[in-house]
């Protein structure tokens, strides 16, 4: 069950740590907040990411997910987090 921000962060932390550019993912959940899928929606540049709402919602509709969580990494290089 993914019902807190910390659980979602724990799920994706290691994968997102590897990205060197901005990345947007959607976590698709069922009505009981159980994971259906994680999908990469867009990849940007070092400090910019553009994504259409159509892309976000079409992913949820295609998987028939009644709930979604957007996950955005902060590129460590761009934000001097290293």
Protein backbone atom coordinates (compact mmCIF):
# COMPACT_ATOMS: atom_id res chain seq x y z
CA UNK A 1 0.00 0.00 0.00
CA UNK A 2 1.41 3.37 -1.07
CA UNK A 3 -0.42 5.76 1.20
CA UNK A 4 2.30 8.14 2.35
CA UNK A 5 4.86 10.29 0.52
CA UNK A 6 7.70 8.47 2.27
CA UNK A 7 6.57 5.08 0.92
CA UNK A 8 6.48 6.45 -2.63
CA UNK A 9 9.91 8.02 -2.11
CA UNK A 10 11.28 4.71 -0.81
CA UNK A 11 9.92 2.93 -3.89
CA UNK A 12 11.59 5.25 -6.42
CA UNK A 13 14.55 6.78 -4.60
CA UNK A 14 17.31 4.56 -5.96
CA UNK A 15 16.05 4.63 -9.54
CA UNK A 16 15.71 8.41 -9.52
CA UNK A 17 19.13 8.89 -7.97
CA UNK A 18 20.69 7.63 -11.22
CA UNK A 19 19.10 10.22 -13.52
CA UNK A 20 21.33 13.08 -14.67
CA UNK A 21 18.46 15.10 -16.15
CA UNK A 22 14.97 16.06 -14.98
CA UNK A 23 12.56 13.12 -15.10
CA UNK A 24 8.80 12.82 -14.49
CA UNK A 25 7.13 9.57 -13.53
CA UNK A 26 3.55 8.64 -12.71
CA UNK A 27 2.72 6.06 -10.07
CA UNK A 28 -0.62 4.46 -10.91
CA UNK A 29 -2.68 3.09 -8.04
CA UNK A 30 -5.94 1.22 -7.58
CA UNK A 31 -8.68 2.29 -5.18
CA UNK A 32 -6.92 0.55 -2.30
CA UNK A 33 -3.70 2.47 -3.04
CA UNK A 34 -1.95 -0.61 -4.32
CA UNK A 35 0.58 -0.25 -7.12
CA UNK A 36 -0.61 -0.88 -10.67
CA UNK A 37 2.46 0.48 -12.46
CA UNK A 38 5.18 3.11 -12.53
CA UNK A 39 5.58 4.81 -15.89
CA UNK A 40 8.18 7.29 -17.09
CA UNK A 41 6.30 10.17 -18.69
CA UNK A 42 8.95 12.64 -19.76
CA UNK A 43 12.64 13.31 -19.65
CA UNK A 44 13.93 16.84 -19.81
CA UNK A 45 17.24 18.60 -19.83
CA UNK A 46 19.53 19.42 -16.95
CA UNK A 47 17.09 21.92 -15.45
CA UNK A 48 13.89 21.88 -17.56
CA UNK A 49 11.05 19.44 -18.09
CA UNK A 50 7.98 19.98 -20.25
CA UNK A 51 5.01 17.63 -20.18
CA UNK A 52 1.44 17.89 -21.43
CA UNK A 53 -1.48 17.11 -19.11
CA UNK A 54 -2.70 14.84 -21.90
CA UNK A 55 0.34 12.58 -21.39
CA UNK A 56 -0.25 12.39 -17.64
CA UNK A 57 -3.91 11.53 -17.78
CA UNK A 58 -3.75 9.25 -20.81
CA UNK A 59 -1.34 7.00 -18.89
CA UNK A 60 -3.86 6.68 -16.05
CA UNK A 61 -6.79 6.14 -18.39
CA UNK A 62 -4.96 3.49 -20.43
CA UNK A 63 -4.24 1.48 -17.27
CA UNK A 64 -7.67 2.23 -15.76
CA UNK A 65 -6.02 3.68 -12.67
CA UNK A 66 -8.38 5.62 -10.42
CA UNK A 67 -5.47 7.26 -8.58
CA UNK A 68 -2.11 8.62 -9.58
CA UNK A 69 0.92 10.24 -7.99
CA UNK A 70 3.35 12.38 -9.97
CA UNK A 71 7.02 11.94 -9.10
CA UNK A 72 9.65 14.43 -10.19
CA UNK A 73 13.32 14.06 -9.46
CA UNK A 74 15.58 17.00 -8.77
CA UNK A 75 18.64 16.63 -10.93
CA UNK A 76 21.42 16.70 -8.36
CA UNK A 77 23.93 18.33 -10.69
CA UNK A 78 21.62 21.22 -11.65
CA UNK A 79 20.59 21.90 -8.07
CA UNK A 80 24.04 21.30 -6.57
CA UNK A 81 22.76 18.52 -4.32
CA UNK A 82 25.85 16.36 -4.80
